[in-house]
Amino acid sequence: MSLGTVNHSYCPAYFDRISCWPPTEAGVRRIIPCPAYIFPDASSNTYASLLCTNESRWEERSHYELCIGCSSVDSLDLNTTDIFLIPLNFLIIRKYFIICANGLSIILLTIGIFILLGNRRLRQYSRNILHVNIFLVFLIRSIIKLIAEIFMNKGYFSHNVFERIDACNQTTIYFKEDQLLDCKLFTILMNYINSSVSHWFVFCEALYLYRLLRAKVYKDKIRWYILMGWLVPLFLTIITYTTRYMLKKDLYTCWFEPSIYDWILHGPNMILQILNFLIFNYVCILLVRKLNRTYRTVTSPEKRRLAKYSRLARSTLILLPLFGFHYILFMWNIKPFLIPNLILIHLTVHTISSSLQGLIVASIYTILNSEVQREILRSLDRCLMRHYSSWEQPNYFHNYINKLEDKRLNYLGNQKRVSMPVQYRQTDSDILVQHNRLTRKNKSRSI
């Protein structure tokens, strides 16, 4: 008998050359005992099954896996399994979110690098050179994540493996021993960037900011932060995978599987996460102290309190993505201890925070940074004046530049009471002089 349909939402009786299946209601999986004349060794607890779909059609193939001794399949025995399966729609949405978020990160990080290196005044500040290196780290990490999401599956490329289907209809993946070099190198690069360099550079930025607030930054050489950020994790990565190769551990895989030797690389990262968390708390304390001194001259107590806490809240929110605060939340694998809904929440928060970190950091230090905005507008104004003799600043353009200047000068006026390094006091005085020149220039132009 061939597959067919009947009215009243029933699948008709059907013979699949092994068993005869009785009429079954649509949407119900029919279960029958294993035919003894075909499967004499089958246990009395085993069974065969066939699904009658919602369209009143039998599915294409009957399931006799249990009759030949195969283990229970989740799709056949959903009531007896305790394994939590992540919904397919969630995985698809997560994949496209990672692709879109990292694509936007690549665009913003590239723009940020060109802005900080292309402007002469921004390039002369050592902190911006450190920002450029951090942007470069996040840029490489975003590119690697894009490649992994688009071209890789479970840590390998399609040409690295081949599949075989056994009698139980289970697919087993085997690695091609002579075609694993590219996925191994990609895994090493991914662990170097994703698990190590980002942590080290975040630590370098945190340490630099801490010493800046402690007014000791003039004693630091920025190259030592950069060298530590690139070379220390490279050294740890080389030791990790040289050890795995010398001890012949997982030579015939892509090294994507976790190993005890990965602690050579991940152990120091966990220590850095703890140090970053401690530095974050201490920096918040320093900010509170400096803000108390900065806003002490405000006459109204309510205005003083509001201005202080408003600035503290903004500073703290800016520091959260910079310090990689989400790393401390996902330092341990707690998924086995969570219920299904919490696993989805845990995975969602981790995906969003890790995918958007580069984008948020690039936005904070370029697009949303008033100093960068001011220098970009000045450069744009000079470029237009150089190429167009009839160019005159529109009122909104002129007013916005003055607003940024006034904001900067008010901040510098408040900071006179706070001890600052010599190089920063000189820089700020230069800015004041340039502001006076710009004001006189605008007055003469208006006349």
Foldseek 3Di string as FASTA:
>chain_A
DDKDADPPQWTDWDDPVQDIDHIDHAADKDWDAHPCVVQVPQDRPDIKIWHQHSVRTIDDDIACLNSVPHDDDCVVCVPPDPDDDDDPVLVVVLLVVLLVLLVLLLVLLVVLLCLCVVFPVSVVDLLSVLVNLLSVLSNVLSVLSNCCSPAHDLQDGPVQWDWDADPSRDIDIFGDLVPQVVSLVSLLVNCLRVQALNLLSLLLNLVLVLCQLVQNNVVDDSVVSVCRSRPVSVVLSCVLVVVCVVVVPPSRDSPPDDDPSCCSRNVVSVVSLVVLVVSLVVVLVSLLVLLCQLLVPPDDPVVSVVVSVVVSVVVSVLSCLSNVNCCVVPVDPCVVVDDNVVNSVVVVVVSVSSSNSSVSNSCVVAVVDLVSVLSVLVVVVVVCVVVPVPDDDDPVSVVSNVVSLVVLVSSVVSCVVPDHHPVVVVVVVVSVVVVVVVVVVVVVVVD
